[in-house]
Amino acid sequence: MFNGIFDLRALPEDFYDDPFPYYRALRESDPVYRLPGGAYFLTRYADLVEIYRDTKTFSSDKKIEFHPKFGDSPLYEHHTTSLVFNDPPLHTKVRRLLVGALSLKAVAAMEPAIVALVGRLLDRIEEAGRADLIADFAAAIPVEVIGNLLDIPHEDRGPLRPWSLAILSALEPNPSPEILRAGNQAVTEFLDYLRTLVAGRTRRPGDPEKDVLTRLIQGESNERLSEKELLHNCIFILNAGHETTTNLIGNGLQLLLEWPEEHARLRAHPELITAAIDEFLRMESSNQLGNRVMTRAGVVGGVELGPGTQLTLCIGAANRDPEQFPDPDRLNVARSPNRHLAFASGPHQCAGMHVARLEARIAISRFLERFKSYAPAGAAVRSRRARFRGFTSLPVEITRD
């Protein structure tokens, strides 16, 4: 339990199972908390919203913050070139291309393929009578969806999930040398693969309305990405869409096991699935932490801070702030309003959030429709990461209607 000292670089083991008592204690006692390393840890909803709005004071650029951590490495080049860790003009340029490719119309066109994919996965689960909800279901969906978005050949998709996990694991507050080596190797291998893929797509372009890679290659309004920007933002598309959506689906199905009355409520009222997805995102945000650096002096949560101050935004804490969410530690699949911050807010709001919601809605609603009930068939295994909250294994037995 929180004893007055909280350090992201030395977290207690019980934090990974349940960080929310720590978040609550910080929010109540010191919502603008100075970490031992000098950065500030923010836990209030209102403070995060204000920071998301003011991109001039609160920069997303990570060059200064990441260099001591990664050095001159493939990981440093990747994480300082990708969309999420940049300010305009690069952020604006890449986001405009992605948002155009992931419009509501484009996302709606993905639905039949996702329905068919989920159906095939559920057929296998039904035949087996049991499943690991991560390996056999949640992780299999976004890899295929993103593979389709980039039109990656099916036979080449095997390494995508391991590459993504290795690269994202290096974003943890205190990665080990082994994790850094694996992350750098993954970036290098992924870049080598993408160079070949991009060369082929440049020679034979796809439909830019459906093929995100073609759209990124061709650019828009005479504005194109450099080769480095193109390659690293293709990696970003996989990483951003894969891990967070896997966690959303897995966390949602686990929450329904932990809250059987809400499971029964959702089965009885399947029209609540859209609200339920947002409640899963709020309760167990796939991405728990964000970061900003101050470009000028300002006041955060009543505390005066100077330029260069590094901030850790605790999305997981803000999404359980009782000032914004009544009874915040209770799952309510009909919660409304539900203005959670799982996809951030403002100019950096997740460009792929409509795709993630679609995948989760189809996956979870079809699972509940197919199977009357499901129960643990072994221990649920947490990924034990601070930034990304999810499971590596969720073994269950299922009961068919």
Protein backbone atom coordinates (compact mmCIF):
# COMPACT_ATOMS: atom_id res chain seq x y z
CA MET A 1 0.00 0.00 0.00
CA PHE A 2 1.07 3.60 -0.58
CA ASN A 3 3.28 4.74 2.31
CA GLY A 4 4.11 8.27 1.19
CA ILE A 5 6.79 7.29 -1.33
CA PHE A 6 5.87 6.32 -4.89
CA ASP A 7 8.50 5.58 -7.53
CA LEU A 8 7.67 4.33 -11.03
CA ARG A 9 11.20 2.95 -11.30
CA ALA A 10 10.77 0.72 -8.22
CA LEU A 11 7.15 -0.40 -8.07
CA PRO A 12 5.99 -2.99 -5.51
CA GLU A 13 4.82 -6.33 -6.86
CA ASP A 14 1.20 -5.83 -5.80
CA PHE A 15 1.01 -2.67 -7.91
CA TYR A 16 0.90 -4.70 -11.13
CA ASP A 17 -2.12 -6.69 -9.95
CA ASP A 18 -4.01 -3.66 -8.65
CA PRO A 19 -2.54 -0.18 -9.06
CA PHE A 20 -5.77 1.59 -8.22
CA PRO A 21 -5.32 1.85 -4.42
CA TYR A 22 -2.00 3.59 -5.09
CA TYR A 23 -3.61 5.92 -7.60
CA ARG A 24 -6.44 6.72 -5.20
CA ALA A 25 -4.05 7.50 -2.34
CA LEU A 26 -2.01 9.82 -4.55
CA ARG A 27 -5.10 11.55 -5.94
CA GLU A 28 -6.42 12.18 -2.43
CA SER A 29 -3.16 13.18 -0.75
CA ASP A 30 -0.88 14.63 -3.42
CA PRO A 31 -2.45 14.83 -6.91
CA VAL A 32 0.58 16.68 -8.33
CA TYR A 33 3.17 14.33 -6.86
CA ARG A 34 6.90 14.86 -7.34
CA LEU A 35 8.50 11.53 -8.22
CA PRO A 36 11.98 10.74 -6.87
CA GLY A 37 13.46 11.37 -10.33
CA GLY A 38 12.04 14.90 -10.46
CA ALA A 39 9.07 14.41 -12.80
CA TYR A 40 5.51 15.01 -11.56
CA PHE A 41 2.83 12.31 -11.43
CA LEU A 42 -0.71 13.61 -12.06
CA THR A 43 -3.83 11.70 -11.01
CA ARG A 44 -6.81 14.10 -11.34
CA TYR A 45 -9.13 14.04 -14.34
CA ALA A 46 -9.45 17.83 -14.61
CA ASP A 47 -5.67 18.31 -14.65
CA LEU A 48 -5.19 15.82 -17.48
CA VAL A 49 -7.95 17.39 -19.59
CA GLU A 50 -6.36 20.81 -19.22
CA ILE A 51 -2.97 19.46 -20.26
CA TYR A 52 -4.40 17.67 -23.29
CA ARG A 53 -5.96 20.96 -24.44
CA ASP A 54 -2.82 23.10 -24.13
CA THR A 55 -0.35 21.56 -26.56
CA LYS A 56 1.81 24.68 -26.65
CA THR A 57 2.65 24.54 -22.96
CA PHE A 58 2.64 20.74 -22.66
CA SER A 59 4.72 19.19 -25.42
CA SER A 60 4.61 15.56 -26.57
CA ASP A 61 8.14 15.71 -28.01
CA LYS A 62 10.29 13.08 -26.27
CA LYS A 63 13.76 13.75 -27.66
CA ILE A 64 15.18 15.16 -24.41
CA GLU A 65 13.37 12.67 -22.17
CA PHE A 66 14.16 9.54 -24.19
CA HIS A 67 17.83 10.07 -25.01
CA PRO A 68 19.14 9.17 -21.51
CA LYS A 69 16.93 6.08 -21.59
CA PHE A 70 17.59 4.79 -25.11
CA GLY A 71 20.79 6.53 -26.24
CA ASP A 72 21.48 6.67 -29.99
CA SER A 73 19.59 3.50 -30.82
CA PRO A 74 16.83 2.14 -33.09
CA LEU A 75 14.38 2.52 -30.19
CA TYR A 76 15.28 6.19 -29.80
CA GLU A 77 14.88 6.84 -33.52
CA HIS A 78 11.54 5.05 -33.56
CA HIS A 79 9.94 6.60 -30.50
CA THR A 80 11.04 10.13 -31.43
CA THR A 81 9.72 9.82 -34.99
CA SER A 82 6.32 8.20 -34.41
CA LEU A 83 3.10 10.19 -34.32
CA VAL A 84 2.32 9.94 -30.62
CA PHE A 85 5.62 11.37 -29.36
CA ASN A 86 5.74 14.43 -31.58
CA ASP A 87 4.33 17.93 -31.90
CA PRO A 88 3.35 19.79 -35.07
CA PRO A 89 4.33 19.92 -37.86
CA LEU A 90 5.17 16.17 -37.99
CA HIS A 91 2.25 15.22 -35.75
CA THR A 92 -0.18 17.24 -37.88
CA LYS A 93 1.11 15.79 -41.15
CA VAL A 94 0.98 12.13 -40.09
CA ARG A 95 -2.31 12.45 -38.21
CA ARG A 96 -4.03 14.06 -41.21
CA LEU A 97 -3.05 11.11 -43.39
CA LEU A 98 -4.15 8.53 -40.81
CA VAL A 99 -7.46 10.18 -39.96
CA GLY A 100 -8.32 10.32 -43.65
CA ALA A 101 -7.64 6.61 -43.99
CA LEU A 102 -9.53 5.76 -40.79
CA SER A 103 -12.68 7.80 -41.35
CA LEU A 104 -15.99 6.50 -40.00
CA LYS A 105 -16.92 5.39 -43.53
CA ALA A 106 -13.65 3.51 -43.94
CA VAL A 107 -14.00 1.89 -40.53
CA ALA A 108 -17.59 0.80 -41.25
CA ALA A 109 -16.32 -0.93 -44.39
CA MET A 110 -14.06 -3.09 -42.20
CA GLU A 111 -16.97 -4.62 -40.28
CA PRO A 112 -17.77 -7.64 -42.52
CA ALA A 113 -14.16 -8.83 -42.47
CA ILE A 114 -13.92 -8.43 -38.68
CA VAL A 115 -17.24 -10.28 -38.19
CA ALA A 116 -15.96 -13.14 -40.34
CA LEU A 117 -12.63 -13.27 -38.47
CA VAL A 118 -14.31 -13.28 -35.06
CA GLY A 119 -16.69 -16.00 -36.24
CA ARG A 120 -13.78 -18.25 -37.25
CA LEU A 121 -12.05 -17.72 -33.91
CA LEU A 122 -15.25 -18.48 -31.99
CA ASP A 123 -15.79 -21.66 -34.03
CA ARG A 124 -12.39 -22.92 -32.88
CA ILE A 125 -13.10 -22.01 -29.27
CA GLU A 126 -16.48 -23.73 -29.40
CA GLU A 127 -14.97 -26.89 -30.84
CA ALA A 128 -12.28 -26.98 -28.14
CA GLY A 129 -14.62 -26.05 -25.28
CA ARG A 130 -11.90 -23.93 -23.75
CA ALA A 131 -9.53 -21.17 -24.79
CA ASP A 132 -6.89 -18.71 -23.76
CA LEU A 133 -8.82 -15.50 -24.32
CA ILE A 134 -5.60 -13.63 -25.16
CA ALA A 135 -3.69 -15.98 -27.47
CA ASP A 136 -6.75 -17.59 -29.06
CA PHE A 137 -8.96 -14.52 -29.33
CA ALA A 138 -8.05 -11.00 -28.20
CA ALA A 139 -4.53 -10.90 -29.67
CA ALA A 140 -5.53 -12.55 -32.93
CA ILE A 141 -8.02 -9.87 -33.94
CA PRO A 142 -6.02 -6.59 -34.08
CA VAL A 143 -3.00 -8.24 -35.75
CA GLU A 144 -5.25 -9.33 -38.60
CA VAL A 145 -7.06 -6.01 -38.81
CA ILE A 146 -3.84 -3.99 -38.92
CA GLY A 147 -2.30 -6.50 -41.30
CA ASN A 148 -5.26 -5.85 -43.59
CA LEU A 149 -4.96 -2.06 -43.19
CA LEU A 150 -1.33 -2.18 -44.30
CA ASP A 151 -2.05 -5.07 -46.71
CA ILE A 152 0.70 -7.21 -45.20
CA PRO A 153 0.70 -10.72 -46.73
CA HIS A 154 -0.77 -13.29 -44.32
CA GLU A 155 2.36 -15.40 -44.44
CA ASP A 156 4.39 -12.43 -43.14
CA ARG A 157 2.24 -11.64 -40.09
CA GLY A 158 3.79 -14.10 -37.62
CA PRO A 159 6.43 -11.73 -36.20
CA LEU A 160 4.10 -8.72 -35.88
CA ARG A 161 2.90 -9.41 -32.33
CA PRO A 162 6.36 -10.30 -30.91
CA TRP A 163 7.86 -7.19 -32.54
CA SER A 164 5.13 -5.00 -31.09
CA LEU A 165 5.43 -6.42 -27.57
CA ALA A 166 9.22 -6.00 -27.58
CA ILE A 167 9.08 -2.38 -28.76
CA LEU A 168 6.32 -1.35 -26.36
CA SER A 169 7.93 -3.09 -23.38
CA ALA A 170 10.87 -0.70 -23.73
CA LEU A 171 8.51 2.19 -22.87
CA GLU A 172 8.15 0.92 -19.30
CA PRO A 173 9.53 3.31 -16.65
CA ASN A 174 12.55 1.14 -15.85
CA PRO A 175 13.28 -1.35 -18.66
CA SER A 176 16.03 -3.92 -18.10
CA PRO A 177 19.02 -4.21 -20.47
CA GLU A 178 17.44 -7.39 -21.85
CA ILE A 179 14.21 -5.57 -22.66
CA LEU A 180 16.14 -2.76 -24.37
CA ARG A 181 18.13 -5.26 -26.45
CA ALA A 182 14.97 -7.05 -27.52
CA GLY A 183 13.27 -3.74 -28.36
CA ASN A 184 16.17 -2.53 -30.48
CA GLN A 185 16.34 -5.83 -32.32
CA ALA A 186 12.60 -5.70 -33.00
CA VAL A 187 12.80 -2.17 -34.43
CA THR A 188 15.71 -3.19 -36.68
CA GLU A 189 13.97 -6.33 -37.97
CA PHE A 190 10.68 -4.51 -38.49
CA LEU A 191 12.39 -1.71 -40.44
CA ASP A 192 14.15 -4.24 -42.67
CA TYR A 193 10.83 -5.91 -43.42
CA LEU A 194 9.03 -2.62 -44.06
CA ARG A 195 11.64 -1.39 -46.52
CA THR A 196 10.89 -4.39 -48.72
CA LEU A 197 7.13 -3.98 -48.26
CA VAL A 198 7.23 -0.25 -49.09
CA ALA A 199 9.38 -0.83 -52.18
CA GLY A 200 6.83 -3.32 -53.50
CA ARG A 201 3.87 -1.07 -52.72
CA THR A 202 5.60 1.90 -54.38
CA ARG A 203 5.90 -0.14 -57.56
CA ARG A 204 2.35 -1.50 -57.30
CA PRO A 205 0.17 0.89 -55.25
CA GLY A 206 -3.01 -0.31 -53.59
CA ASP A 207 -6.30 1.53 -53.20
CA PRO A 208 -5.51 4.55 -50.96
CA GLU A 209 -9.10 4.47 -49.66
CA LYS A 210 -8.45 1.04 -48.12
CA ASP A 211 -4.68 0.62 -47.98
CA VAL A 212 -3.15 2.86 -45.30
CA LEU A 213 0.38 2.11 -46.45
CA THR A 214 -0.35 3.33 -49.98
CA ARG A 215 -1.96 6.44 -48.55
CA LEU A 216 1.11 7.16 -46.41
CA ILE A 217 3.46 6.58 -49.35
CA GLN A 218 1.54 8.84 -51.71
CA GLY A 219 0.98 11.60 -49.15
CA GLU A 220 -1.57 14.33 -49.56
CA SER A 221 -1.63 17.83 -51.08
CA ASN A 222 1.95 17.52 -52.37
CA GLU A 223 3.13 16.73 -48.81
CA ARG A 224 4.90 13.42 -48.30
CA LEU A 225 6.58 11.70 -45.40
CA SER A 226 10.32 11.10 -45.50
CA GLU A 227 11.38 7.46 -45.65
CA LYS A 228 12.23 7.50 -41.93
CA GLU A 229 8.88 9.08 -41.01
CA LEU A 230 7.01 6.60 -43.19
CA LEU A 231 8.68 3.49 -41.84
CA HIS A 232 8.50 4.43 -38.18
CA ASN A 233 4.86 5.46 -38.38
CA CYS A 234 4.00 2.11 -39.95
CA ILE A 235 5.55 0.52 -36.86
CA PHE A 236 3.54 2.94 -34.73
CA ILE A 237 0.27 1.91 -36.43
CA LEU A 238 0.89 -1.71 -35.49
CA ASN A 239 2.00 -0.93 -31.95
CA ALA A 240 -0.81 1.54 -31.20
CA GLY A 241 -3.56 -0.63 -32.63
CA HIS A 242 -2.33 -4.03 -31.54
CA GLU A 243 -1.52 -3.94 -27.84
CA THR A 244 -4.22 -1.53 -26.73
CA THR A 245 -7.00 -3.37 -28.56
CA THR A 246 -5.79 -6.76 -27.32
CA ASN A 247 -5.91 -5.35 -23.79
CA LEU A 248 -9.35 -3.81 -24.32
CA ILE A 249 -10.89 -7.11 -25.39
CA GLY A 250 -9.09 -9.16 -22.74
CA ASN A 251 -9.75 -6.67 -19.94
CA GLY A 252 -13.41 -6.42 -20.91
CA LEU A 253 -14.01 -10.17 -20.84
CA GLN A 254 -12.15 -10.47 -17.52
CA LEU A 255 -14.18 -7.63 -15.99
CA LEU A 256 -17.38 -9.46 -16.89
CA LEU A 257 -16.05 -12.50 -15.00
CA GLU A 258 -15.36 -10.30 -11.97
CA TRP A 259 -18.77 -8.60 -12.15
CA PRO A 260 -21.26 -11.43 -12.91
CA GLU A 261 -24.31 -9.22 -12.40
CA GLU A 262 -23.05 -6.86 -15.11
CA HIS A 263 -22.29 -9.85 -17.33
CA ALA A 264 -25.90 -10.99 -16.94
CA ARG A 265 -27.13 -7.44 -17.54
CA LEU A 266 -25.19 -7.14 -20.79
CA ARG A 267 -26.37 -10.53 -22.03
CA ALA A 268 -29.96 -9.54 -21.26
CA HIS A 269 -29.52 -6.14 -22.92
CA PRO A 270 -27.04 -6.54 -25.80
CA GLU A 271 -27.88 -3.03 -26.97
CA LEU A 272 -25.68 -1.81 -24.09
CA ILE A 273 -22.51 -3.10 -25.80
CA THR A 274 -21.39 0.35 -26.99
CA ALA A 275 -21.67 1.80 -23.48
CA ALA A 276 -20.05 -1.33 -22.05
CA ILE A 277 -16.99 -0.95 -24.29
CA ASP A 278 -16.46 2.58 -22.99
CA GLU A 279 -16.87 1.36 -19.43
CA PHE A 280 -14.21 -1.33 -19.97
CA LEU A 281 -11.93 1.39 -21.34
CA ARG A 282 -12.57 3.54 -18.28
CA MET A 283 -12.23 0.83 -15.64
CA GLU A 284 -9.12 -0.85 -17.05
CA SER A 285 -7.56 1.63 -19.46
CA SER A 286 -5.33 -0.27 -21.88
CA ASN A 287 -2.82 2.58 -21.75
CA GLN A 288 -2.39 3.71 -18.14
CA LEU A 289 0.28 6.39 -18.49
CA GLY A 290 1.11 9.30 -20.78
CA ASN A 291 3.85 11.89 -20.72
CA ARG A 292 4.35 15.58 -21.46
CA VAL A 293 7.15 18.12 -20.98
CA MET A 294 6.51 21.78 -20.21
CA THR A 295 7.81 24.28 -22.76
CA ARG A 296 7.25 27.25 -20.43
CA ALA A 297 6.36 28.00 -16.84
CA GLY A 298 2.80 27.29 -15.81
CA VAL A 299 0.46 26.13 -13.08
CA VAL A 300 -0.65 22.49 -12.92
CA GLY A 301 -3.25 21.56 -10.35
CA GLY A 302 -2.42 24.65 -8.32
CA VAL A 303 1.35 23.95 -8.37
CA GLU A 304 3.73 26.34 -10.15
CA LEU A 305 6.13 24.43 -12.41
CA GLY A 306 8.96 25.63 -14.62
CA PRO A 307 9.91 25.01 -18.26
CA GLY A 308 11.44 21.58 -18.86
CA THR A 309 9.34 19.95 -16.13
CA GLN A 310 8.43 16.39 -17.09
CA LEU A 311 4.91 15.17 -16.35
CA THR A 312 3.50 11.66 -16.16
CA LEU A 313 -0.24 11.68 -16.83
CA CYS A 314 -1.94 8.80 -15.01
CA ILE A 315 -4.87 7.96 -17.26
CA GLY A 316 -5.79 4.99 -15.07
CA ALA A 317 -6.18 7.27 -12.04
CA ALA A 318 -8.06 10.02 -13.91
CA ASN A 319 -10.54 7.48 -15.22
CA ARG A 320 -11.47 6.58 -11.64
CA ASP A 321 -11.64 10.14 -10.33
CA PRO A 322 -14.87 10.41 -8.26
CA GLU A 323 -15.12 14.10 -9.18
CA GLN A 324 -15.89 12.96 -12.75
CA PHE A 325 -17.26 9.42 -12.35
CA PRO A 326 -19.75 8.54 -9.58
CA ASP A 327 -18.92 5.26 -7.84
CA PRO A 328 -15.78 5.00 -9.97
CA ASP A 329 -14.56 1.58 -8.78
CA ARG A 330 -17.80 -0.13 -9.81
CA LEU A 331 -18.36 -1.58 -13.29
CA ASN A 332 -21.55 -0.15 -14.82
CA VAL A 333 -22.10 -1.31 -18.39
CA ALA A 334 -24.77 1.37 -18.88
CA ARG A 335 -22.71 4.28 -17.49
CA SER A 336 -23.62 7.58 -19.12
CA PRO A 337 -22.08 10.04 -19.55
CA ASN A 338 -18.68 8.41 -19.71
CA ARG A 339 -16.08 10.90 -20.91
CA HIS A 340 -13.10 8.70 -20.11
CA LEU A 341 -9.56 9.48 -21.23
CA ALA A 342 -8.51 6.03 -22.44
CA PHE A 343 -8.02 7.52 -25.92
CA ALA A 344 -6.58 10.77 -24.50
CA SER A 345 -8.25 14.03 -25.55
CA GLY A 346 -7.65 17.06 -27.72
CA PRO A 347 -5.28 17.07 -30.75
CA HIS A 348 -3.59 13.87 -29.57
CA GLN A 349 -6.80 11.87 -29.22
CA CYS A 350 -6.21 8.38 -30.63
CA ALA A 351 -6.58 8.40 -34.42
CA GLY A 352 -7.56 4.71 -34.42
CA MET A 353 -10.18 4.81 -31.67
CA HIS A 354 -13.07 4.04 -34.05
CA VAL A 355 -11.26 0.90 -35.24
CA ALA A 356 -10.55 -0.21 -31.66
CA ARG A 357 -14.16 0.30 -30.62
CA LEU A 358 -15.41 -1.61 -33.66
CA GLU A 359 -13.08 -4.56 -33.02
CA ALA A 360 -14.02 -4.71 -29.33
CA ARG A 361 -17.75 -4.33 -29.98
CA ILE A 362 -17.81 -7.17 -32.50
CA ALA A 363 -15.48 -9.42 -30.51
CA ILE A 364 -17.19 -9.11 -27.13
CA SER A 365 -20.80 -9.00 -28.35
CA ARG A 366 -20.31 -12.06 -30.58
CA PHE A 367 -18.54 -13.92 -27.78
CA LEU A 368 -21.40 -13.26 -25.34
CA GLU A 369 -23.98 -14.14 -27.97
CA ARG A 370 -22.27 -17.44 -28.76
CA PHE A 371 -21.46 -18.61 -25.24
CA LYS A 372 -23.90 -18.67 -22.34
CA SER A 373 -21.15 -18.48 -19.79
CA TYR A 374 -17.43 -18.90 -19.33
CA ALA A 375 -15.31 -19.54 -16.26
CA PRO A 376 -11.62 -19.45 -15.37
CA ALA A 377 -9.76 -22.64 -16.28
CA GLY A 378 -6.51 -21.60 -14.65
CA ALA A 379 -4.78 -18.54 -13.29
CA ALA A 380 -5.13 -15.26 -15.16
CA VAL A 381 -1.64 -13.93 -15.89
CA ARG A 382 -1.07 -10.16 -15.91
CA SER A 383 1.47 -8.66 -18.29
CA ARG A 384 3.02 -6.92 -15.24
CA ARG A 385 3.66 -3.62 -16.92
CA ALA A 386 2.89 -0.17 -15.57
CA ARG A 387 2.16 1.65 -18.83
CA PHE A 388 0.08 -0.96 -20.65
CA ARG A 389 -2.46 -2.83 -18.56
CA GLY A 390 -3.61 -6.22 -19.73
CA PHE A 391 -3.05 -9.95 -19.58
CA THR A 392 -0.71 -12.38 -21.27
CA SER A 393 -3.01 -15.33 -20.54
CA LEU A 394 -6.70 -15.77 -19.64
CA PRO A 395 -7.57 -19.49 -19.72
CA VAL A 396 -11.31 -20.21 -19.64
CA GLU A 397 -13.83 -22.97 -20.15
CA ILE A 398 -16.96 -22.06 -22.06
CA THR A 399 -20.63 -23.09 -22.03
CA ARG A 400 -22.58 -23.03 -25.29
CA ASP A 401 -26.18 -21.72 -25.29
